[in-house]
Amino acid sequence: MKKPQSIEPSMWIAIGVALGAGIGVMIDQLAIGAAIGVAIGAALMSMESRKQGGDES
């Protein structure tokens, strides 16, 4: 059985920035939205790497 494909960890940052930029445009504060998006993306990346086992060093 094939293992389901997962998103690379670095892609979560890009997804977060895209979402944050969209929110920033809505609230007319693009820079703040992008910064919030980076934080959200980093959090999602961390959660996904922990879910997959992360570094076992």
N, C-alpha and C. Protein backbone atom coordinates (compact mmCIF):
# COMPACT_ATOMS: atom_id res chain seq x y z
N MET A 1 0.84 -1.17 0.00
CA MET A 1 0.00 0.00 0.00
C MET A 1 0.89 1.24 0.00
N LYS A 2 0.54 2.22 -0.79
CA LYS A 2 1.35 3.43 -0.90
C LYS A 2 1.17 4.31 0.32
N LYS A 3 2.28 4.91 0.71
CA LYS A 3 2.24 5.87 1.81
C LYS A 3 1.67 7.19 1.27
N PRO A 4 0.72 7.82 1.97
CA PRO A 4 0.18 9.08 1.46
C PRO A 4 1.27 10.14 1.38
N GLN A 5 1.24 10.92 0.31
CA GLN A 5 2.24 11.96 0.15
C GLN A 5 1.97 13.09 1.13
N SER A 6 3.06 13.63 1.65
CA SER A 6 2.91 14.75 2.57
C SER A 6 3.63 15.96 1.99
N ILE A 7 3.29 17.09 2.51
CA ILE A 7 3.90 18.34 2.05
C ILE A 7 5.28 18.46 2.70
N GLU A 8 6.27 18.92 1.92
CA GLU A 8 7.59 19.16 2.48
C GLU A 8 7.49 20.22 3.57
N PRO A 9 8.30 20.10 4.60
CA PRO A 9 8.19 21.06 5.71
C PRO A 9 8.36 22.51 5.29
N SER A 10 9.24 22.79 4.35
CA SER A 10 9.45 24.18 3.94
C SER A 10 8.24 24.76 3.21
N MET A 11 7.40 23.93 2.66
CA MET A 11 6.21 24.42 1.97
C MET A 11 5.21 25.04 2.93
N TRP A 12 5.24 24.64 4.19
CA TRP A 12 4.31 25.22 5.17
C TRP A 12 4.57 26.71 5.36
N ILE A 13 5.85 27.13 5.26
CA ILE A 13 6.17 28.55 5.37
C ILE A 13 5.52 29.31 4.22
N ALA A 14 5.64 28.77 3.00
CA ALA A 14 5.06 29.42 1.82
C ALA A 14 3.54 29.50 1.93
N ILE A 15 2.93 28.44 2.41
CA ILE A 15 1.47 28.44 2.59
C ILE A 15 1.07 29.48 3.63
N GLY A 16 1.83 29.56 4.73
CA GLY A 16 1.54 30.54 5.76
C GLY A 16 1.67 31.97 5.25
N VAL A 17 2.71 32.23 4.46
CA VAL A 17 2.90 33.59 3.92
C VAL A 17 1.76 33.94 2.97
N ALA A 18 1.35 32.99 2.15
CA ALA A 18 0.25 33.24 1.22
C ALA A 18 -1.04 33.57 1.98
N LEU A 19 -1.34 32.79 3.00
CA LEU A 19 -2.54 33.05 3.80
C LEU A 19 -2.42 34.38 4.55
N GLY A 20 -1.25 34.63 5.12
CA GLY A 20 -1.04 35.87 5.84
C GLY A 20 -1.13 37.09 4.93
N ALA A 21 -0.61 36.98 3.72
CA ALA A 21 -0.70 38.09 2.77
C ALA A 21 -2.16 38.36 2.41
N GLY A 22 -2.93 37.31 2.24
CA GLY A 22 -4.36 37.49 1.97
C GLY A 22 -5.07 38.18 3.11
N ILE A 23 -4.76 37.76 4.31
CA ILE A 23 -5.36 38.41 5.48
C ILE A 23 -4.87 39.85 5.58
N GLY A 24 -3.60 40.09 5.29
CA GLY A 24 -3.05 41.43 5.34
C GLY A 24 -3.71 42.37 4.35
N VAL A 25 -4.03 41.86 3.18
CA VAL A 25 -4.72 42.67 2.19
C VAL A 25 -6.13 43.02 2.69
N MET A 26 -6.78 42.05 3.32
CA MET A 26 -8.13 42.31 3.83
C MET A 26 -8.14 43.39 4.92
N ILE A 27 -7.12 43.38 5.77
CA ILE A 27 -7.09 44.36 6.86
C ILE A 27 -6.25 45.59 6.50
N ASP A 28 -5.78 45.66 5.27
CA ASP A 28 -5.00 46.80 4.75
C ASP A 28 -3.67 46.97 5.48
N GLN A 29 -3.08 45.86 5.91
CA GLN A 29 -1.76 45.86 6.56
C GLN A 29 -0.98 44.65 6.04
N LEU A 30 -0.48 44.76 4.81
CA LEU A 30 0.17 43.63 4.14
C LEU A 30 1.39 43.12 4.90
N ALA A 31 2.23 44.01 5.38
CA ALA A 31 3.46 43.58 6.07
C ALA A 31 3.13 42.81 7.35
N ILE A 32 2.17 43.28 8.10
CA ILE A 32 1.78 42.58 9.33
C ILE A 32 1.18 41.23 9.00
N GLY A 33 0.36 41.17 7.97
CA GLY A 33 -0.23 39.90 7.56
C GLY A 33 0.82 38.90 7.13
N ALA A 34 1.82 39.34 6.38
CA ALA A 34 2.89 38.44 5.94
C ALA A 34 3.70 37.93 7.12
N ALA A 35 3.97 38.82 8.09
CA ALA A 35 4.71 38.40 9.28
C ALA A 35 3.93 37.38 10.09
N ILE A 36 2.65 37.60 10.23
CA ILE A 36 1.80 36.64 10.93
C ILE A 36 1.77 35.32 10.16
N GLY A 37 1.74 35.40 8.83
CA GLY A 37 1.75 34.20 8.00
C GLY A 37 3.02 33.38 8.18
N VAL A 38 4.16 34.04 8.31
CA VAL A 38 5.41 33.32 8.55
C VAL A 38 5.34 32.57 9.88
N ALA A 39 4.81 33.23 10.89
CA ALA A 39 4.68 32.59 12.21
C ALA A 39 3.74 31.39 12.14
N ILE A 40 2.62 31.55 11.44
CA ILE A 40 1.67 30.44 11.30
C ILE A 40 2.31 29.30 10.52
N GLY A 41 3.01 29.63 9.45
CA GLY A 41 3.68 28.60 8.65
C GLY A 41 4.73 27.84 9.43
N ALA A 42 5.50 28.56 10.25
CA ALA A 42 6.51 27.90 11.07
C ALA A 42 5.87 26.97 12.10
N ALA A 43 4.76 27.41 12.67
CA ALA A 43 4.07 26.56 13.64
C ALA A 43 3.52 25.30 12.97
N LEU A 44 2.94 25.46 11.80
CA LEU A 44 2.42 24.30 11.07
C LEU A 44 3.54 23.35 10.67
N MET A 45 4.69 23.91 10.26
CA MET A 45 5.83 23.09 9.88
C MET A 45 6.32 22.28 11.08
N SER A 46 6.37 22.91 12.24
CA SER A 46 6.81 22.23 13.45
C SER A 46 5.84 21.11 13.83
N MET A 47 4.55 21.41 13.76
CA MET A 47 3.55 20.39 14.11
C MET A 47 3.61 19.21 13.15
N GLU A 48 3.78 19.48 11.86
CA GLU A 48 3.83 18.40 10.87
C GLU A 48 5.08 17.54 11.04
N SER A 49 6.22 18.17 11.35
CA SER A 49 7.45 17.39 11.51
C SER A 49 7.37 16.54 12.77
N ARG A 50 6.73 17.02 13.81
CA ARG A 50 6.55 16.20 15.02
C ARG A 50 5.61 15.03 14.74
N LYS A 51 4.57 15.27 13.93
CA LYS A 51 3.61 14.23 13.60
C LYS A 51 4.27 13.10 12.80
N GLN A 52 5.23 13.47 11.94
CA GLN A 52 5.89 12.49 11.09
C GLN A 52 7.08 11.85 11.78
N GLY A 53 7.41 12.26 12.96
CA GLY A 53 8.53 11.66 13.67
C GLY A 53 9.68 12.63 13.85
N GLY A 54 9.82 13.60 12.97
CA GLY A 54 10.85 14.62 13.08
C GLY A 54 12.24 14.03 13.09
N ASP A 55 13.16 14.77 13.71
CA ASP A 55 14.54 14.30 13.83
C ASP A 55 14.64 13.35 15.01
N GLU A 56 15.26 12.24 14.77
CA GLU A 56 15.41 11.25 15.83
C GLU A 56 16.86 11.22 16.28
N SER A 57 17.47 12.38 16.50
CA SER A 57 18.87 12.42 16.92
C SER A 57 19.01 12.56 18.41
